[in-house]
């Protein structure tokens, strides 16, 4: 699956949902995902559900709690109008 992912692809929890970040680095067994307002997270390739159209869709049930919390707040600044 890693061979299909490229730096700059957008990250999503659901296909057609709102993006929460972007791929910063592709490793043999993981990707580094920049989450808006939270920074970089290393995510196992096991958590990747799909890759297409320059999008990486992750399986939420395979993500750890700190990453899920960061994703939940990825757009907080936008919502506050900052």
PDB file of N, CA and C in Angstrom:
ATOM      1  N   UNK A   1       0.828  -1.200   0.000  1.00  0.00           N
ATOM      2  CA  UNK A   1       0.000   0.000   0.000  1.00  0.00           C
ATOM      3  C   UNK A   1       0.867   1.257   0.000  1.00  0.00           C
ATOM      4  N   UNK A   2       2.015   1.234   0.661  1.00  0.00           N
ATOM      5  CA  UNK A   2       2.866   2.421   0.759  1.00  0.00           C
ATOM      6  C   UNK A   2       3.275   2.946  -0.613  1.00  0.00           C
ATOM      7  N   UNK A   3       3.441   2.053  -1.574  1.00  0.00           N
ATOM      8  CA  UNK A   3       3.874   2.488  -2.896  1.00  0.00           C
ATOM      9  C   UNK A   3       2.834   3.357  -3.596  1.00  0.00           C
ATOM     10  N   UNK A   4       1.584   3.310  -3.142  1.00  0.00           N
ATOM     11  CA  UNK A   4       0.520   4.124  -3.729  1.00  0.00           C
ATOM     12  C   UNK A   4       0.373   5.483  -3.066  1.00  0.00           C
ATOM     13  N   UNK A   5       1.029   5.697  -1.943  1.00  0.00           N
ATOM     14  CA  UNK A   5       0.900   6.936  -1.165  1.00  0.00           C
ATOM     15  C   UNK A   5       2.077   7.842  -1.492  1.00  0.00           C
ATOM     16  N   UNK A   6       1.784   9.126  -1.662  1.00  0.00           N
ATOM     17  CA  UNK A   6       2.839  10.093  -1.930  1.00  0.00           C
ATOM     18  C   UNK A   6       2.735  11.266  -0.959  1.00  0.00           C
ATOM     19  N   UNK A   7       3.892  11.878  -0.705  1.00  0.00           N
ATOM     20  CA  UNK A   7       3.941  13.074   0.133  1.00  0.00           C
ATOM     21  C   UNK A   7       3.016  14.120  -0.479  1.00  0.00           C
ATOM     22  N   UNK A   8       2.221  14.750   0.372  1.00  0.00           N
ATOM     23  CA  UNK A   8       1.284  15.776  -0.081  1.00  0.00           C
ATOM     24  C   UNK A   8      -0.145  15.293  -0.227  1.00  0.00           C
ATOM     25  N   UNK A   9      -0.346  13.981  -0.280  1.00  0.00           N
ATOM     26  CA  UNK A   9      -1.722  13.474  -0.349  1.00  0.00           C
ATOM     27  C   UNK A   9      -2.479  13.927   0.898  1.00  0.00           C
ATOM     28  N   UNK A  10      -3.758  14.220   0.742  1.00  0.00           N
ATOM     29  CA  UNK A  10      -4.585  14.644   1.866  1.00  0.00           C
ATOM     30  C   UNK A  10      -5.067  13.438   2.661  1.00  0.00           C
ATOM     31  N   UNK A  11      -5.284  13.660   3.957  1.00  0.00           N
ATOM     32  CA  UNK A  11      -5.694  12.592   4.869  1.00  0.00           C
ATOM     33  C   UNK A  11      -7.153  12.776   5.287  1.00  0.00           C
ATOM     34  N   UNK A  12      -7.879  11.652   5.304  1.00  0.00           N
ATOM     35  CA  UNK A  12      -9.314  11.647   5.620  1.00  0.00           C
ATOM     36  C   UNK A  12      -9.649  10.473   6.530  1.00  0.00           C
ATOM     37  N   UNK A  13     -10.761  10.602   7.272  1.00  0.00           N
ATOM     38  CA  UNK A  13     -11.293   9.477   8.040  1.00  0.00           C
ATOM     39  C   UNK A  13     -12.373   8.742   7.272  1.00  0.00           C
ATOM     40  N   UNK A  14     -13.038   9.453   6.375  1.00  0.00           N
ATOM     41  CA  UNK A  14     -14.064   8.830   5.537  1.00  0.00           C
ATOM     42  C   UNK A  14     -13.921   9.357   4.121  1.00  0.00           C
ATOM     43  N   UNK A  15     -14.222   8.523   3.170  1.00  0.00           N
ATOM     44  CA  UNK A  15     -14.180   8.945   1.778  1.00  0.00           C
ATOM     45  C   UNK A  15     -15.276   9.982   1.575  1.00  0.00           C
ATOM     46  N   UNK A  16     -14.916  11.133   1.109  1.00  0.00           N
ATOM     47  CA  UNK A  16     -15.898  12.199   0.922  1.00  0.00           C
ATOM     48  C   UNK A  16     -16.057  13.081   2.138  1.00  0.00           C
ATOM     49  N   UNK A  17     -15.369  12.748   3.231  1.00  0.00           N
ATOM     50  CA  UNK A  17     -15.429  13.562   4.436  1.00  0.00           C
ATOM     51  C   UNK A  17     -14.478  14.744   4.360  1.00  0.00           C
ATOM     52  N   UNK A  18     -14.301  15.404   5.476  1.00  0.00           N
ATOM     53  CA  UNK A  18     -13.429  16.569   5.545  1.00  0.00           C
ATOM     54  C   UNK A  18     -11.989  16.129   5.801  1.00  0.00           C
ATOM     55  N   UNK A  19     -11.049  16.722   5.078  1.00  0.00           N
ATOM     56  CA  UNK A  19      -9.650  16.369   5.292  1.00  0.00           C
ATOM     57  C   UNK A  19      -9.200  16.912   6.643  1.00  0.00           C
ATOM     58  N   UNK A  20      -8.267  16.190   7.249  1.00  0.00           N
ATOM     59  CA  UNK A  20      -7.752  16.645   8.547  1.00  0.00           C
ATOM     60  C   UNK A  20      -6.263  16.923   8.514  1.00  0.00           C
ATOM     61  N   UNK A  21      -5.622  16.640   7.397  1.00  0.00           N
ATOM     62  CA  UNK A  21      -4.189  16.867   7.316  1.00  0.00           C
ATOM     63  C   UNK A  21      -3.627  16.358   6.011  1.00  0.00           C
ATOM     64  N   UNK A  22      -2.295  16.105   6.027  1.00  0.00           N
ATOM     65  CA  UNK A  22      -1.619  15.671   4.810  1.00  0.00           C
ATOM     66  C   UNK A  22      -0.450  14.748   5.142  1.00  0.00           C
ATOM     67  N   UNK A  23      -0.080  13.946   4.165  1.00  0.00           N
ATOM     68  CA  UNK A  23       1.042  13.028   4.318  1.00  0.00           C
ATOM     69  C   UNK A  23       2.339  13.818   4.210  1.00  0.00           C
ATOM     70  N   UNK A  24       3.213  13.661   5.198  1.00  0.00           N
ATOM     71  CA  UNK A  24       4.515  14.346   5.204  1.00  0.00           C
ATOM     72  C   UNK A  24       5.651  13.426   4.768  1.00  0.00           C
ATOM     73  N   UNK A  25       5.509  12.127   5.100  1.00  0.00           N
ATOM     74  CA  UNK A  25       6.578  11.187   4.810  1.00  0.00           C
ATOM     75  C   UNK A  25       5.984   9.798   4.652  1.00  0.00           C
ATOM     76  N   UNK A  26       6.555   9.019   3.738  1.00  0.00           N
ATOM     77  CA  UNK A  26       6.125   7.637   3.531  1.00  0.00           C
ATOM     78  C   UNK A  26       7.288   6.742   3.942  1.00  0.00           C
ATOM     79  N   UNK A  27       7.047   5.864   4.905  1.00  0.00           N
ATOM     80  CA  UNK A  27       8.040   4.937   5.417  1.00  0.00           C
ATOM     81  C   UNK A  27       7.654   3.528   4.986  1.00  0.00           C
ATOM     82  N   UNK A  28       8.544   2.550   5.146  1.00  0.00           N
ATOM     83  CA  UNK A  28       8.202   1.179   4.724  1.00  0.00           C
ATOM     84  C   UNK A  28       6.976   0.590   5.430  1.00  0.00           C
ATOM     85  N   UNK A  29       6.747   0.957   6.691  1.00  0.00           N
ATOM     86  CA  UNK A  29       5.651   0.369   7.462  1.00  0.00           C
ATOM     87  C   UNK A  29       4.675   1.387   8.028  1.00  0.00           C
ATOM     88  N   UNK A  30       4.860   2.662   7.678  1.00  0.00           N
ATOM     89  CA  UNK A  30       4.032   3.718   8.265  1.00  0.00           C
ATOM     90  C   UNK A  30       4.074   4.955   7.377  1.00  0.00           C
ATOM     91  N   UNK A  31       3.225   5.909   7.719  1.00  0.00           N
ATOM     92  CA  UNK A  31       3.281   7.236   7.111  1.00  0.00           C
ATOM     93  C   UNK A  31       3.333   8.252   8.242  1.00  0.00           C
ATOM     94  N   UNK A  32       3.915   9.390   7.964  1.00  0.00           N
ATOM     95  CA  UNK A  32       3.885  10.500   8.902  1.00  0.00           C
ATOM     96  C   UNK A  32       2.825  11.453   8.379  1.00  0.00           C
ATOM     97  N   UNK A  33       1.832  11.710   9.226  1.00  0.00           N
ATOM     98  CA  UNK A  33       0.702  12.548   8.853  1.00  0.00           C
ATOM     99  C   UNK A  33       0.763  13.839   9.656  1.00  0.00           C
ATOM    100  N   UNK A  34       0.717  14.967   8.959  1.00  0.00           N
ATOM    101  CA  UNK A  34       0.595  16.249   9.638  1.00  0.00           C
ATOM    102  C   UNK A  34      -0.886  16.490   9.863  1.00  0.00           C
ATOM    103  N   UNK A  35      -1.270  16.664  11.120  1.00  0.00           N
ATOM    104  CA  UNK A  35      -2.655  16.969  11.476  1.00  0.00           C
ATOM    105  C   UNK A  35      -2.724  18.460  11.790  1.00  0.00           C
ATOM    106  N   UNK A  36      -3.622  19.162  11.130  1.00  0.00           N
ATOM    107  CA  UNK A  36      -3.760  20.592  11.332  1.00  0.00           C
ATOM    108  C   UNK A  36      -3.930  20.906  12.817  1.00  0.00           C
ATOM    109  N   UNK A  37      -3.209  21.908  13.289  1.00  0.00           N
ATOM    110  CA  UNK A  37      -3.253  22.386  14.679  1.00  0.00           C
ATOM    111  C   UNK A  37      -2.658  21.418  15.694  1.00  0.00           C
ATOM    112  N   UNK A  38      -2.037  20.315  15.254  1.00  0.00           N
ATOM    113  CA  UNK A  38      -1.512  19.333  16.215  1.00  0.00           C
ATOM    114  C   UNK A  38      -0.113  18.838  15.890  1.00  0.00           C
ATOM    115  N   UNK A  39       0.303  18.898  14.634  1.00  0.00           N
ATOM    116  CA  UNK A  39       1.636  18.437  14.277  1.00  0.00           C
ATOM    117  C   UNK A  39       1.653  17.076  13.619  1.00  0.00           C
ATOM    118  N   UNK A  40       2.827  16.447  13.685  1.00  0.00           N
ATOM    119  CA  UNK A  40       3.054  15.184  12.981  1.00  0.00           C
ATOM    120  C   UNK A  40       2.764  13.958  13.842  1.00  0.00           C
ATOM    121  N   UNK A  41       2.189  12.941  13.206  1.00  0.00           N
ATOM    122  CA  UNK A  41       1.896  11.660  13.852  1.00  0.00           C
ATOM    123  C   UNK A  41       2.357  10.544  12.929  1.00  0.00           C
ATOM    124  N   UNK A  42       2.998   9.552  13.508  1.00  0.00           N
ATOM    125  CA  UNK A  42       3.379   8.346  12.746  1.00  0.00           C
ATOM    126  C   UNK A  42       2.195   7.383  12.822  1.00  0.00           C
ATOM    127  N   UNK A  43       1.751   6.912  11.655  1.00  0.00           N
ATOM    128  CA  UNK A  43       0.576   6.046  11.578  1.00  0.00           C
ATOM    129  C   UNK A  43       0.945   4.782  10.794  1.00  0.00           C
ATOM    130  N   UNK A  44       0.682   3.646  11.372  1.00  0.00           N
ATOM    131  CA  UNK A  44       0.963   2.363  10.725  1.00  0.00           C
ATOM    132  C   UNK A  44       0.164   2.240   9.431  1.00  0.00           C
ATOM    133  N   UNK A  45       0.771   1.589   8.441  1.00  0.00           N
ATOM    134  CA  UNK A  45       0.054   1.352   7.181  1.00  0.00           C
ATOM    135  C   UNK A  45      -1.154   0.453   7.382  1.00  0.00           C
ATOM    136  N   UNK A  46      -1.196  -0.288   8.486  1.00  0.00           N
ATOM    137  CA  UNK A  46      -2.365  -1.125   8.789  1.00  0.00           C
ATOM    138  C   UNK A  46      -3.626  -0.283   8.965  1.00  0.00           C
ATOM    139  N   UNK A  47      -3.455   0.998   9.280  1.00  0.00           N
ATOM    140  CA  UNK A  47      -4.603   1.881   9.506  1.00  0.00           C
ATOM    141  C   UNK A  47      -5.124   2.511   8.216  1.00  0.00           C
ATOM    142  N   UNK A  48      -4.439   2.283   7.103  1.00  0.00           N
ATOM    143  CA  UNK A  48      -4.881   2.845   5.824  1.00  0.00           C
ATOM    144  C   UNK A  48      -5.994   1.973   5.248  1.00  0.00           C
ATOM    145  N   UNK A  49      -7.144   2.588   5.018  1.00  0.00           N
ATOM    146  CA  UNK A  49      -8.292   1.861   4.464  1.00  0.00           C
ATOM    147  C   UNK A  49      -8.334   1.943   2.942  1.00  0.00           C
ATOM    148  N   UNK A  50      -7.889   3.085   2.388  1.00  0.00           N
ATOM    149  CA  UNK A  50      -7.940   3.266   0.937  1.00  0.00           C
ATOM    150  C   UNK A  50      -6.995   4.387   0.515  1.00  0.00           C
ATOM    151  N   UNK A  51      -6.553   4.288  -0.732  1.00  0.00           N
ATOM    152  CA  UNK A  51      -5.728   5.336  -1.342  1.00  0.00           C
ATOM    153  C   UNK A  51      -6.231   5.529  -2.766  1.00  0.00           C
ATOM    154  N   UNK A  52      -6.668   6.752  -3.075  1.00  0.00           N
ATOM    155  CA  UNK A  52      -7.100   7.071  -4.436  1.00  0.00           C
ATOM    156  C   UNK A  52      -7.257   8.571  -4.575  1.00  0.00           C
ATOM    157  N   UNK A  53      -7.162   9.058  -5.777  1.00  0.00           N
ATOM    158  CA  UNK A  53      -7.397  10.469  -6.087  1.00  0.00           C
ATOM    159  C   UNK A  53      -6.589  11.406  -5.196  1.00  0.00           C
ATOM    160  N   UNK A  54      -5.350  11.045  -4.901  1.00  0.00           N
ATOM    161  CA  UNK A  54      -4.460  11.825  -4.044  1.00  0.00           C
ATOM    162  C   UNK A  54      -5.018  12.002  -2.635  1.00  0.00           C
ATOM    163  N   UNK A  55      -5.757  10.981  -2.189  1.00  0.00           N
ATOM    164  CA  UNK A  55      -6.334  10.954  -0.844  1.00  0.00           C
ATOM    165  C   UNK A  55      -5.931   9.663  -0.152  1.00  0.00           C
ATOM    166  N   UNK A  56      -5.692   9.756   1.150  1.00  0.00           N
ATOM    167  CA  UNK A  56      -5.464   8.578   1.975  1.00  0.00           C
ATOM    168  C   UNK A  56      -6.586   8.550   3.003  1.00  0.00           C
ATOM    169  N   UNK A  57      -7.353   7.475   2.995  1.00  0.00           N
ATOM    170  CA  UNK A  57      -8.466   7.314   3.929  1.00  0.00           C
ATOM    171  C   UNK A  57      -8.024   6.331   5.004  1.00  0.00           C
ATOM    172  N   UNK A  58      -8.129   6.750   6.264  1.00  0.00           N
ATOM    173  CA  UNK A  58      -7.715   5.919   7.387  1.00  0.00           C
ATOM    174  C   UNK A  58      -8.920   5.270   8.056  1.00  0.00           C
ATOM    175  N   UNK A  59      -8.717   4.088   8.627  1.00  0.00           N
ATOM    176  CA  UNK A  59      -9.756   3.384   9.386  1.00  0.00           C
ATOM    177  C   UNK A  59      -9.712   3.924  10.816  1.00  0.00           C
ATOM    178  N   UNK A  60     -10.723   4.667  11.234  1.00  0.00           N
ATOM    179  CA  UNK A  60     -10.694   5.299  12.561  1.00  0.00           C
ATOM    180  C   UNK A  60     -10.462   4.320  13.708  1.00  0.00           C
ATOM    181  N   UNK A  61     -10.978   3.116  13.595  1.00  0.00           N
ATOM    182  CA  UNK A  61     -10.851   2.138  14.677  1.00  0.00           C
ATOM    183  C   UNK A  61      -9.412   1.636  14.839  1.00  0.00           C
ATOM    184  N   UNK A  62      -8.558   1.937  13.873  1.00  0.00           N
ATOM    185  CA  UNK A  62      -7.162   1.497  13.951  1.00  0.00           C
ATOM    186  C   UNK A  62      -6.212   2.625  14.353  1.00  0.00           C
ATOM    187  N   UNK A  63      -6.765   3.788  14.683  1.00  0.00           N
ATOM    188  CA  UNK A  63      -5.946   4.930  15.085  1.00  0.00           C
ATOM    189  C   UNK A  63      -5.899   5.028  16.601  1.00  0.00           C
ATOM    190  N   UNK A  64      -4.772   5.499  17.139  1.00  0.00           N
ATOM    191  CA  UNK A  64      -4.662   5.607  18.598  1.00  0.00           C
ATOM    192  C   UNK A  64      -5.390   6.858  19.102  1.00  0.00           C
ATOM    193  N   UNK A  65      -5.654   6.873  20.398  1.00  0.00           N
ATOM    194  CA  UNK A  65      -6.454   7.935  21.008  1.00  0.00           C
ATOM    195  C   UNK A  65      -5.868   9.334  20.812  1.00  0.00           C
ATOM    196  N   UNK A  66      -4.557   9.548  21.003  1.00  0.00           N
ATOM    197  CA  UNK A  66      -4.033  10.902  20.801  1.00  0.00           C
ATOM    198  C   UNK A  66      -4.246  11.425  19.374  1.00  0.00           C
ATOM    199  N   UNK A  67      -4.102  10.549  18.397  1.00  0.00           N
ATOM    200  CA  UNK A  67      -4.329  10.962  17.013  1.00  0.00           C
ATOM    201  C   UNK A  67      -5.802  11.283  16.782  1.00  0.00           C
ATOM    202  N   UNK A  68      -6.686  10.465  17.297  1.00  0.00           N
ATOM    203  CA  UNK A  68      -8.129  10.724  17.150  1.00  0.00           C
ATOM    204  C   UNK A  68      -8.516  12.057  17.786  1.00  0.00           C
ATOM    205  N   UNK A  69      -7.929  12.357  18.938  1.00  0.00           N
ATOM    206  CA  UNK A  69      -8.191  13.631  19.618  1.00  0.00           C
ATOM    207  C   UNK A  69      -7.696  14.793  18.749  1.00  0.00           C
ATOM    208  N   UNK A  70      -6.509  14.646  18.194  1.00  0.00           N
ATOM    209  CA  UNK A  70      -5.967  15.695  17.324  1.00  0.00           C
ATOM    210  C   UNK A  70      -6.858  15.911  16.103  1.00  0.00           C
ATOM    211  N   UNK A  71      -7.322  14.825  15.502  1.00  0.00           N
ATOM    212  CA  UNK A  71      -8.193  14.923  14.328  1.00  0.00           C
ATOM    213  C   UNK A  71      -9.490  15.643  14.688  1.00  0.00           C
ATOM    214  N   UNK A  72     -10.028  15.346  15.872  1.00  0.00           N
ATOM    215  CA  UNK A  72     -11.279  15.974  16.310  1.00  0.00           C
ATOM    216  C   UNK A  72     -11.151  17.491  16.423  1.00  0.00           C
ATOM    217  N   UNK A  73      -9.926  17.970  16.608  1.00  0.00           N
ATOM    218  CA  UNK A  73      -9.710  19.411  16.785  1.00  0.00           C
ATOM    219  C   UNK A  73      -8.953  20.041  15.622  1.00  0.00           C
ATOM    220  N   UNK A  74      -8.830  19.329  14.519  1.00  0.00           N
ATOM    221  CA  UNK A  74      -8.046  19.805  13.378  1.00  0.00           C
ATOM    222  C   UNK A  74      -8.557  21.122  12.803  1.00  0.00           C
ATOM    223  N   UNK A  75      -9.827  21.373  12.906  1.00  0.00           N
ATOM    224  CA  UNK A  75     -10.396  22.576  12.283  1.00  0.00           C
ATOM    225  C   UNK A  75     -10.921  23.587  13.300  1.00  0.00           C
ATOM    226  N   UNK A  76     -10.482  23.460  14.552  1.00  0.00           N
ATOM    227  CA  UNK A  76     -10.952  24.377  15.598  1.00  0.00           C
ATOM    228  C   UNK A  76     -10.677  25.844  15.265  1.00  0.00           C
ATOM    229  N   UNK A  77      -9.483  26.159  14.789  1.00  0.00           N
ATOM    230  CA  UNK A  77      -9.152  27.547  14.495  1.00  0.00           C
ATOM    231  C   UNK A  77     -10.033  28.106  13.377  1.00  0.00           C
ATOM    232  N   UNK A  78     -10.327  27.288  12.388  1.00  0.00           N
ATOM    233  CA  UNK A  78     -11.197  27.729  11.300  1.00  0.00           C
ATOM    234  C   UNK A  78     -12.584  28.037  11.819  1.00  0.00           C
ATOM    235  N   UNK A  79     -13.075  27.213  12.736  1.00  0.00           N
ATOM    236  CA  UNK A  79     -14.418  27.407  13.275  1.00  0.00           C
ATOM    237  C   UNK A  79     -14.514  28.641  14.145  1.00  0.00           C
ATOM    238  N   UNK A  80     -13.380  29.027  14.755  1.00  0.00           N
ATOM    239  CA  UNK A  80     -13.359  30.249  15.572  1.00  0.00           C
ATOM    240  C   UNK A  80     -13.106  31.477  14.725  1.00  0.00           C
ATOM    241  N   UNK A  81     -12.862  31.269  13.436  1.00  0.00           N
ATOM    242  CA  UNK A  81     -12.630  32.389  12.539  1.00  0.00           C
ATOM    243  C   UNK A  81     -11.229  32.943  12.600  1.00  0.00           C
ATOM    244  N   UNK A  82     -10.273  32.137  13.051  1.00  0.00           N
ATOM    245  CA  UNK A  82      -8.888  32.615  13.142  1.00  0.00           C
ATOM    246  C   UNK A  82      -8.139  32.383  11.857  1.00  0.00           C
TER     247      UNK A  82
END
